[in-house]
Amino acid sequence: MRERRRHIRVETPILVEFPNPTTMKTERSFTQDVSAAGMRFPTPMKLQIGQELPLTLQLPFQDAPMHATGEVMWIREIARIGGPQYEVGVRFRWIEDPDRQRLTRHITTLFRNTT
């Protein structure tokens, strides 16, 4: 199978926060992998494909959070023990250029250190 991704994707835990669409309380998770174009993370919430999410990302060892808008591209159930758990693929629809550059530098540094 041919890889369709155009961006380097690395496995790294980045704190991601987004509002629960039902309660508007802040949900938190850590990415399983991330690229300049999107990310994958687990959540107990069943989000909808096409749903837009305001996102706050916190890179390790950096003070300033990054803000983005993501679109849910896919979702799959990964566990049911103790309640459902889902894995979500999100594409960045909007992210400020300085934040995208910070994210790209972080990903590039991690990629270089693993190869």
Protein backbone atom coordinates (compact mmCIF):
# COMPACT_ATOMS: atom_id res chain seq x y z
CA MET A 1 0.00 0.00 0.00
CA ARG A 2 1.33 3.43 -0.96
CA GLU A 3 1.73 6.09 1.76
CA ARG A 4 -0.51 9.07 0.97
CA ARG A 5 0.79 11.49 3.57
CA ARG A 6 2.81 14.48 2.39
CA HIS A 7 4.13 15.47 5.82
CA ILE A 8 6.52 13.82 8.27
CA ARG A 9 4.54 12.20 11.08
CA VAL A 10 6.20 11.40 14.39
CA GLU A 11 5.01 9.58 17.48
CA THR A 12 5.12 12.13 20.28
CA PRO A 13 2.92 13.06 23.22
CA ILE A 14 1.72 16.65 22.85
CA LEU A 15 -0.98 17.86 25.22
CA VAL A 16 -4.14 18.66 23.26
CA GLU A 17 -7.19 20.37 24.74
CA PHE A 18 -10.57 20.90 23.13
CA PRO A 19 -14.10 21.67 24.34
CA ASN A 20 -16.57 18.84 24.79
CA PRO A 21 -19.24 19.75 22.20
CA THR A 22 -22.02 18.70 24.59
CA THR A 23 -20.88 20.21 27.91
CA MET A 24 -18.25 22.73 26.69
CA LYS A 25 -15.95 21.47 29.46
CA THR A 26 -12.30 21.16 28.46
CA GLU A 27 -11.25 17.67 27.38
CA ARG A 28 -7.56 16.73 27.52
CA SER A 29 -5.58 14.09 25.72
CA PHE A 30 -2.06 13.47 24.43
CA THR A 31 -1.28 12.96 20.77
CA GLN A 32 -0.16 9.54 19.61
CA ASP A 33 1.40 11.05 16.52
CA VAL A 34 1.48 14.45 14.88
CA SER A 35 2.50 16.17 11.64
CA ALA A 36 2.33 19.73 10.34
CA ALA A 37 -1.01 18.77 8.75
CA GLY A 38 -2.74 16.94 11.61
CA MET A 39 -2.64 14.53 14.52
CA ARG A 40 -4.06 11.38 16.08
CA PHE A 41 -5.17 11.13 19.70
CA PRO A 42 -7.36 8.98 21.97
CA THR A 43 -10.53 10.28 23.62
CA PRO A 44 -13.54 8.84 25.44
CA MET A 45 -15.77 11.14 23.37
CA LYS A 46 -17.40 9.95 20.17
CA LEU A 47 -16.76 12.86 17.86
CA GLN A 48 -18.30 13.12 14.40
CA ILE A 49 -16.47 12.98 11.07
CA GLY A 50 -16.37 16.51 9.65
CA GLN A 51 -16.76 18.09 13.09
CA GLU A 52 -14.59 21.16 13.67
CA LEU A 53 -12.76 21.48 16.97
CA PRO A 54 -10.98 24.48 18.46
CA LEU A 55 -7.67 23.04 19.69
CA THR A 56 -5.00 24.15 22.13
CA LEU A 57 -1.66 22.33 21.80
CA GLN A 58 1.13 22.49 24.34
CA LEU A 59 4.55 21.39 23.11
CA PRO A 60 6.82 19.84 25.77
CA PHE A 61 9.10 22.32 27.57
CA GLN A 62 7.52 25.38 25.92
CA ASP A 63 5.47 27.99 27.73
CA ALA A 64 3.30 29.40 24.95
CA PRO A 65 0.39 27.21 23.82
CA MET A 66 -0.57 26.95 20.15
CA HIS A 67 -4.12 27.43 18.93
CA ALA A 68 -5.62 25.73 15.91
CA THR A 69 -8.88 24.60 14.40
CA GLY A 70 -9.06 20.94 13.45
CA GLU A 71 -11.48 18.82 11.46
CA VAL A 72 -12.23 15.22 12.46
CA MET A 73 -11.26 13.11 9.43
CA TRP A 74 -11.81 9.66 10.93
CA ILE A 75 -12.72 7.99 14.20
CA ARG A 76 -12.55 4.38 15.36
CA GLU A 77 -13.47 2.63 18.57
CA ILE A 78 -10.41 1.10 20.21
CA ALA A 79 -11.72 -0.13 23.59
CA ARG A 80 -14.88 -0.76 25.56
CA ILE A 81 -13.61 -1.93 28.95
CA GLY A 82 -14.62 0.69 31.49
CA GLY A 83 -16.43 2.68 28.80
CA PRO A 84 -15.83 3.38 25.14
CA GLN A 85 -12.52 4.81 23.97
CA TYR A 86 -11.92 6.21 20.51
CA GLU A 87 -8.95 7.08 18.37
CA VAL A 88 -9.42 10.24 16.31
CA GLY A 89 -7.60 11.58 13.26
CA VAL A 90 -7.74 15.36 12.98
CA ARG A 91 -6.57 17.57 10.12
CA PHE A 92 -5.52 21.12 10.91
CA ARG A 93 -7.84 23.52 9.08
CA TRP A 94 -6.30 26.63 10.59
CA ILE A 95 -3.13 27.31 12.53
CA GLU A 96 -1.18 30.57 12.73
CA ASP A 97 2.02 30.53 10.67
CA PRO A 98 4.34 31.10 13.68
CA ASP A 99 2.66 28.18 15.49
CA ARG A 100 2.87 25.95 12.41
CA GLN A 101 6.57 26.80 12.15
CA ARG A 102 7.11 25.93 15.85
CA LEU A 103 5.29 22.65 15.35
CA THR A 104 7.27 21.85 12.20
CA ARG A 105 10.57 22.57 14.01
CA HIS A 106 9.52 20.31 16.88
CA ILE A 107 8.56 17.48 14.50
CA THR A 108 11.74 17.88 12.44
CA THR A 109 13.92 17.77 15.58
CA LEU A 110 12.19 14.60 16.79
CA PHE A 111 12.42 13.00 13.34
CA ARG A 112 16.16 13.71 13.12
CA ASN A 113 16.73 12.24 16.57
CA THR A 114 14.94 8.99 15.69
CA THR A 115 16.59 8.29 12.33
